[in-house]
Structures are given as C-alpha cells and as structure tokens.
C-alpha cells in the first residue's frame, strides 16, 4: 500500500515536471522568435559615438543622456560640440566617426558665481532652521536681507557630478580644475546667480554680484555688493551699468590696463578674477595689486 502511494506520487510529480518543462521551453521559443522579429537595428555609428562620450548622462548637451545625444548627433551633425564634459577631444573623436571636420567653437563656457558675500558679509534677519535647500530657503522672505545673493545651502554642489563646487563659508565656490562646464550648477540655482561665460583666458574678470537694489540699499545689507556707481564704466566701455548692477561685455573683454584700473577703483571690490589660478580677492577698502 505504501509503495503504491509512493509510486503514484512520483508519477504525478514526474508528469507535472514534464508539463512545466514543456511550457518553459515553449515560452522560451516564443520569446526567442519575438526578440528576432521585434529587434531594432542600431546604426553601428551610434554605438561608436556612445563609446566616445564620457557616459556621465549629465544632460549638459540638452538630451536625457549620452545614448540620446549619440543618436541625435548622428542625425544632426550641427549638434557636434554640445558635450561639455568631453570637450574638444570628444568632439574630435565624434567628428572622426562622422567623417567631419571640427571647427573652432571658441572659448569653453564655465560658470561664475555672481556673488562674493561670505557669511560675515551678509545681513541675516534670523537663523534659518528649515530644510537645508536653496529652493526652500528662497521661498521665504526673511532668510537674508539680500534677495539676490548666494544662500549657501548647496543645491548647486549636489547637482554637480564632478565635485567642482563647494560651499565655503556660506558661498558657492567653483573648482575650475574639476569643472567641465556641464551647466548643472547654473540650472540648480533658484536665484540664477550662477552664469555661464566664455573663458577666453585662464582667469576671467567678473562682477561678483547679482543685486539690482539701489546703491544705498545694497550698502546697508552687504559689505561686498555692487552699488552701480559707474566708476568702472569711466575706465573702459567693456563695463556697463544696468539695473544698478555693473556688467562685463565678454564678447569684447580682454585683459588690459583699463580693465585692471576699473577693478582697482571699485569701492566694494566686487570686480574680481575667477579661474584656475585666480588670486583671492581682497577685502573692500584695500587696493588690488595688478599683475
């Protein structure tokens, strides 16, 4: 009796196993046929372009990732040179794959932080205790007196995939040795004070302020803000003042004596250099040494 039960149970299990094996083989065959029928042929050049890219999926090119950019640049060679992290070297590789000549696209874009106010330079209404995010803090009117300056909570640093930004004493600072110009930091700043500019020289002169307040208001809330006094404009027409804020025309900018004089005469020392070997800006009231 017991032996018969065991044999019956074994027969049932064996039958079920054979059935499952048959079903599994059938499904596998169906999937194999479907994969062959539905397979999307990929142009070998797309794969070659994708291999030439940094594969960081940073979005600097304007596409969701390197794969999408690889397809796009194959269809439209005008998009060549949009990979900021890859730079000219990657553009040259892609051009070689596409049998194209690479033209000089001009200076590479790099970010500048249009603020130089560190913690001691700022006028704070109260100690912020909310979410440690620039977007969250910017939604409140009583975080700091200047509504244009760096909040210092690091949204830009978290957006950067290259560890090229750090918050130093309440201010976002760019490490130009690591920066690739991917634009992620400029997109992350809720106050739009990180601007991409063409770095035609290793160090670029900038106006490190974004405030459009009147000169009187700026002086009352920030030690290193632009007051729109126009002294820089009197030295060289590369500078202009719009909305109480000095600006530099980078299409015409080049290091010269007039620009240095404008920087030296700035009363709040808001005109400074930024770049790989830029000197640390001096405090307002001190004279900057010319190189």
Protein backbone atom coordinates (compact mmCIF):
# COMPACT_ATOMS: atom_id res chain seq x y z
CA UNK A 1 0.00 0.00 0.00
CA UNK A 2 2.72 2.45 0.98
CA UNK A 3 4.83 1.54 -2.04
CA UNK A 4 1.88 2.05 -4.34
CA UNK A 5 1.27 5.51 -2.89
CA UNK A 6 4.88 6.48 -3.38
CA UNK A 7 4.83 5.31 -6.99
CA UNK A 8 1.60 7.20 -7.64
CA UNK A 9 3.05 10.38 -6.08
CA UNK A 10 6.25 10.02 -8.13
CA UNK A 11 4.25 9.55 -11.31
CA UNK A 12 2.23 12.70 -10.61
CA UNK A 13 5.35 14.75 -9.85
CA UNK A 14 7.13 13.47 -12.95
CA UNK A 15 4.12 14.31 -15.09
CA UNK A 16 3.91 17.83 -13.63
CA UNK A 17 7.66 18.33 -14.16
CA UNK A 18 7.42 17.27 -17.80
CA UNK A 19 4.48 19.65 -18.27
CA UNK A 20 6.37 22.57 -16.71
CA UNK A 21 9.45 21.80 -18.80
CA UNK A 22 7.34 21.78 -21.92
CA UNK A 23 5.67 25.08 -21.04
CA UNK A 24 9.03 26.68 -20.19
CA UNK A 25 10.54 25.54 -23.48
CA UNK A 26 7.51 26.83 -25.35
CA UNK A 27 7.69 30.26 -23.70
CA UNK A 28 11.44 30.45 -24.34
CA UNK A 29 10.88 29.67 -28.02
CA UNK A 30 8.18 32.34 -28.28
CA UNK A 31 10.46 34.94 -26.63
CA UNK A 32 13.33 33.98 -28.93
CA UNK A 33 11.18 34.40 -32.02
CA UNK A 34 9.76 37.71 -30.72
CA UNK A 35 13.23 39.07 -29.98
CA UNK A 36 14.28 38.30 -33.54
CA UNK A 37 11.14 39.75 -35.09
CA UNK A 38 11.00 42.88 -32.90
CA UNK A 39 14.72 43.61 -32.76
CA UNK A 40 15.51 47.25 -33.55
CA UNK A 41 18.60 47.58 -35.66
CA UNK A 42 21.04 50.14 -34.20
CA UNK A 43 23.35 52.02 -36.51
CA UNK A 44 26.92 50.95 -35.64
CA UNK A 45 27.94 54.61 -35.68
CA UNK A 46 25.53 55.33 -32.80
CA UNK A 47 27.34 52.73 -30.72
CA UNK A 48 30.72 54.16 -31.72
CA UNK A 49 29.64 57.69 -30.78
CA UNK A 50 28.25 56.44 -27.49
CA UNK A 51 31.57 54.78 -26.68
CA UNK A 52 33.40 58.05 -27.46
CA UNK A 53 31.24 60.00 -24.99
CA UNK A 54 32.05 60.24 -21.24
CA UNK A 55 28.81 58.34 -20.43
CA UNK A 56 28.04 60.60 -17.49
CA UNK A 57 24.44 61.30 -18.52
CA UNK A 58 24.79 64.83 -17.10
CA UNK A 59 22.33 66.43 -19.54
CA UNK A 60 24.66 69.30 -20.48
CA UNK A 61 24.06 68.59 -24.17
CA UNK A 62 20.32 69.14 -23.74
CA UNK A 63 19.41 65.46 -24.04
CA UNK A 64 18.36 62.95 -21.38
CA UNK A 65 21.64 61.05 -21.59
CA UNK A 66 24.63 60.12 -23.69
CA UNK A 67 22.65 57.48 -25.59
CA UNK A 68 20.05 60.01 -26.73
CA UNK A 69 22.77 62.51 -27.67
CA UNK A 70 24.62 59.86 -29.70
CA UNK A 71 21.50 59.25 -31.79
CA UNK A 72 20.80 62.96 -32.14
CA UNK A 73 24.29 64.00 -33.24
CA UNK A 74 24.30 61.25 -35.89
CA UNK A 75 21.10 62.68 -37.33
CA UNK A 76 22.17 66.30 -36.97
CA UNK A 77 25.94 66.96 -37.04
CA UNK A 78 25.23 70.57 -36.07
CA UNK A 79 24.92 69.21 -32.52
CA UNK A 80 28.60 68.31 -32.53
CA UNK A 81 30.43 70.04 -29.68
CA UNK A 82 27.49 70.01 -27.26
CA UNK A 83 29.22 67.58 -24.86
CA UNK A 84 30.80 69.96 -22.36
CA UNK A 85 32.39 67.30 -20.12
CA UNK A 86 34.01 65.62 -23.11
CA UNK A 87 35.29 68.91 -24.52
CA UNK A 88 37.22 69.28 -27.80
CA UNK A 89 38.79 65.82 -27.52
CA UNK A 90 35.42 64.06 -27.54
CA UNK A 91 34.16 66.33 -30.32
CA UNK A 92 37.20 65.36 -32.41
CA UNK A 93 36.51 61.65 -31.87
CA UNK A 94 32.86 62.02 -32.90
CA UNK A 95 33.84 64.12 -35.91
CA UNK A 96 36.23 61.36 -36.97
CA UNK A 97 33.43 58.78 -36.72
CA UNK A 98 31.17 61.02 -38.83
CA UNK A 99 34.00 61.93 -41.24
CA UNK A 100 33.59 65.62 -40.44
CA UNK A 101 35.98 68.49 -39.83
CA UNK A 102 35.82 70.11 -36.39
CA UNK A 103 35.63 73.88 -36.49
CA UNK A 104 36.85 76.08 -33.65
CA UNK A 105 33.81 76.60 -31.42
CA UNK A 106 35.51 79.33 -29.42
CA UNK A 107 36.22 79.51 -25.67
CA UNK A 108 34.60 76.89 -23.45
CA UNK A 109 31.78 78.02 -21.21
CA UNK A 110 32.46 77.93 -17.49
CA UNK A 111 30.33 79.07 -14.53
CA UNK A 112 30.89 82.19 -12.49
CA UNK A 113 29.13 82.81 -9.19
CA UNK A 114 27.81 86.36 -9.28
CA UNK A 115 28.26 86.85 -5.56
CA UNK A 116 31.25 87.08 -3.23
CA UNK A 117 29.46 87.59 0.08
CA UNK A 118 30.57 85.11 2.69
CA UNK A 119 28.77 84.63 5.98
CA UNK A 120 30.28 87.69 7.74
CA UNK A 121 29.47 89.92 4.75
CA UNK A 122 25.75 89.14 4.80
CA UNK A 123 22.95 90.69 6.78
CA UNK A 124 20.76 87.89 8.14
CA UNK A 125 17.30 88.50 9.55
CA UNK A 126 17.30 85.28 11.55
CA UNK A 127 18.97 81.89 11.80
CA UNK A 128 17.30 79.70 9.20
CA UNK A 129 16.14 76.38 10.67
CA UNK A 130 14.18 74.98 7.73
CA UNK A 131 15.04 72.49 5.01
CA UNK A 132 18.69 72.91 4.09
CA UNK A 133 17.99 73.74 0.47
CA UNK A 134 18.36 76.96 -1.52
CA UNK A 135 14.98 76.37 -3.18
CA UNK A 136 13.26 76.02 0.20
CA UNK A 137 15.06 78.99 1.74
CA UNK A 138 14.45 81.17 -1.30
CA UNK A 139 10.71 80.73 -0.82
CA UNK A 140 10.95 82.69 2.44
CA UNK A 141 11.35 86.45 2.59
CA UNK A 142 13.17 86.59 5.92
CA UNK A 143 16.23 84.41 5.43
CA UNK A 144 18.75 87.08 4.46
CA UNK A 145 18.44 90.74 3.60
CA UNK A 146 19.83 90.42 0.07
CA UNK A 147 17.29 88.72 -2.15
CA UNK A 148 19.84 88.21 -4.93
CA UNK A 149 22.89 86.73 -3.19
CA UNK A 150 24.08 83.18 -2.58
CA UNK A 151 22.05 81.37 0.07
CA UNK A 152 24.80 78.83 0.62
CA UNK A 153 22.72 75.68 1.15
CA UNK A 154 24.43 73.80 -1.67
CA UNK A 155 21.79 72.95 -4.28
CA UNK A 156 24.48 73.63 -6.88
CA UNK A 157 27.01 71.36 -5.18
CA UNK A 158 24.54 68.48 -5.11
CA UNK A 159 23.71 69.00 -8.79
CA UNK A 160 27.38 68.84 -9.83
CA UNK A 161 28.56 65.32 -10.74
CA UNK A 162 32.20 66.35 -10.82
CA UNK A 163 32.70 67.64 -7.26
CA UNK A 164 33.53 71.02 -8.81
CA UNK A 165 31.53 73.21 -6.42
CA UNK A 166 31.79 73.58 -2.67
CA UNK A 167 30.16 75.82 -0.12
CA UNK A 168 32.92 77.76 1.62
CA UNK A 169 31.84 80.00 4.50
CA UNK A 170 28.34 80.42 3.12
CA UNK A 171 29.35 80.95 -0.52
CA UNK A 172 29.38 78.63 -3.54
CA UNK A 173 32.92 78.39 -4.92
CA UNK A 174 33.87 76.77 -8.24
CA UNK A 175 36.88 74.44 -8.52
CA UNK A 176 37.91 75.19 -12.09
CA UNK A 177 40.35 72.29 -12.17
CA UNK A 178 37.41 69.89 -11.94
CA UNK A 179 34.71 71.92 -13.69
CA UNK A 180 33.60 70.64 -17.11
CA UNK A 181 31.07 73.36 -17.91
CA UNK A 182 28.13 70.96 -17.78
CA UNK A 183 25.73 73.80 -16.68
CA UNK A 184 24.11 71.68 -13.93
CA UNK A 185 25.02 74.23 -11.24
CA UNK A 186 23.57 77.18 -13.16
CA UNK A 187 20.30 75.30 -13.64
CA UNK A 188 20.12 74.34 -9.96
CA UNK A 189 20.46 77.85 -8.51
CA UNK A 190 17.00 79.27 -7.75
CA UNK A 191 18.36 82.82 -7.81
CA UNK A 192 20.04 82.45 -11.21
CA UNK A 193 23.29 83.91 -9.91
CA UNK A 194 25.49 81.23 -11.46
CA UNK A 195 26.16 82.36 -15.02
CA UNK A 196 27.93 80.51 -17.84
CA UNK A 197 30.52 82.73 -19.55
CA UNK A 198 33.13 82.06 -22.26
CA UNK A 199 36.52 81.55 -20.62
CA UNK A 200 38.78 83.00 -23.28
CA UNK A 201 41.56 83.23 -20.70
CA UNK A 202 42.60 81.02 -17.81
CA UNK A 203 41.34 83.64 -15.36
CA UNK A 204 38.38 85.83 -16.18
CA UNK A 205 37.38 89.15 -14.64
CA UNK A 206 33.84 89.08 -13.29
CA UNK A 207 31.37 91.28 -11.43
CA UNK A 208 30.68 89.10 -8.40
CA UNK A 209 27.26 90.48 -7.59
CA UNK A 210 23.73 89.93 -8.82
CA UNK A 211 21.88 92.57 -6.81
CA UNK A 212 19.62 95.02 -8.58
CA UNK A 213 18.89 97.03 -5.44
CA UNK A 214 19.76 100.71 -5.31
CA UNK A 215 23.28 101.58 -4.20
CA UNK A 216 22.01 102.83 -0.85
CA UNK A 217 20.07 99.62 -0.17
CA UNK A 218 22.99 97.43 -1.22
CA UNK A 219 25.41 99.25 1.07
CA UNK A 220 23.05 98.76 4.01
CA UNK A 221 22.77 94.97 3.63
CA UNK A 222 26.02 93.74 2.04
CA UNK A 223 29.66 94.69 2.52
CA UNK A 224 30.75 93.48 -0.93
CA UNK A 225 27.80 94.25 -3.19
CA UNK A 226 27.79 96.31 -6.39
CA UNK A 227 26.32 99.78 -5.83
CA UNK A 228 26.06 100.65 -9.52
CA UNK A 229 28.31 103.67 -9.00
CA UNK A 230 29.63 103.53 -12.57
CA UNK A 231 33.31 104.10 -11.73
CA UNK A 232 34.22 101.02 -13.78
CA UNK A 233 32.36 102.39 -16.81
CA UNK A 234 34.51 105.52 -16.72
CA UNK A 235 37.64 103.41 -17.13
CA UNK A 236 36.55 101.23 -20.07
CA UNK A 237 33.45 100.72 -22.16
CA UNK A 238 33.72 96.96 -21.66
CA UNK A 239 31.72 97.69 -18.50
CA UNK A 240 28.16 98.96 -18.38
CA UNK A 241 25.62 99.52 -15.60
CA UNK A 242 22.10 98.15 -15.95
CA UNK A 243 19.53 97.98 -13.14
CA UNK A 244 22.05 99.31 -10.61
CA UNK A 245 24.44 96.49 -11.48
CA UNK A 246 27.78 96.58 -13.33
CA UNK A 247 28.20 94.11 -16.18
CA UNK A 248 31.03 92.98 -18.45
CA UNK A 249 30.65 92.54 -22.21
CA UNK A 250 32.55 89.26 -22.65
CA UNK A 251 32.37 89.48 -26.43
CA UNK A 252 34.75 92.45 -26.19
CA UNK A 253 36.60 91.68 -22.96
CA UNK A 254 40.36 91.21 -22.87
CA UNK A 255 42.82 91.74 -20.01
CA UNK A 256 44.31 95.23 -20.28
CA UNK A 257 45.33 98.21 -18.19
CA UNK A 258 41.92 99.87 -18.39
CA UNK A 259 40.15 96.78 -17.04
CA UNK A 260 42.70 96.47 -14.23
CA UNK A 261 42.17 100.12 -13.33
CA UNK A 262 38.41 99.58 -13.22
CA UNK A 263 38.92 96.64 -10.87
CA UNK A 264 41.27 98.61 -8.62
CA UNK A 265 38.93 101.60 -8.38
CA UNK A 266 35.83 99.54 -7.48
CA UNK A 267 34.97 100.76 -3.95
CA UNK A 268 33.43 97.48 -2.80
CA UNK A 269 35.95 95.25 -4.62
CA UNK A 270 33.14 93.41 -6.36
CA UNK A 271 35.18 93.16 -9.58
CA UNK A 272 37.43 90.14 -9.16
CA UNK A 273 39.12 87.32 -11.07
CA UNK A 274 37.84 83.76 -11.21
CA UNK A 275 39.62 80.81 -12.80
CA UNK A 276 42.19 78.06 -12.24
CA UNK A 277 44.91 80.39 -10.92
CA UNK A 278 42.84 83.41 -9.93
CA UNK A 279 44.15 85.34 -6.90
CA UNK A 280 41.99 85.51 -3.83
CA UNK A 281 40.02 88.79 -3.94
CA UNK A 282 40.94 91.39 -1.38
CA UNK A 283 38.54 92.98 1.04
CA UNK A 284 36.68 96.19 0.25
CA UNK A 285 38.78 99.23 1.03
CA UNK A 286 42.06 97.58 0.01
CA UNK A 287 43.85 98.12 -3.26
CA UNK A 288 44.17 95.15 -5.56
CA UNK A 289 47.67 94.59 -6.93
CA UNK A 290 47.89 94.44 -10.68
CA UNK A 291 49.83 91.63 -12.31
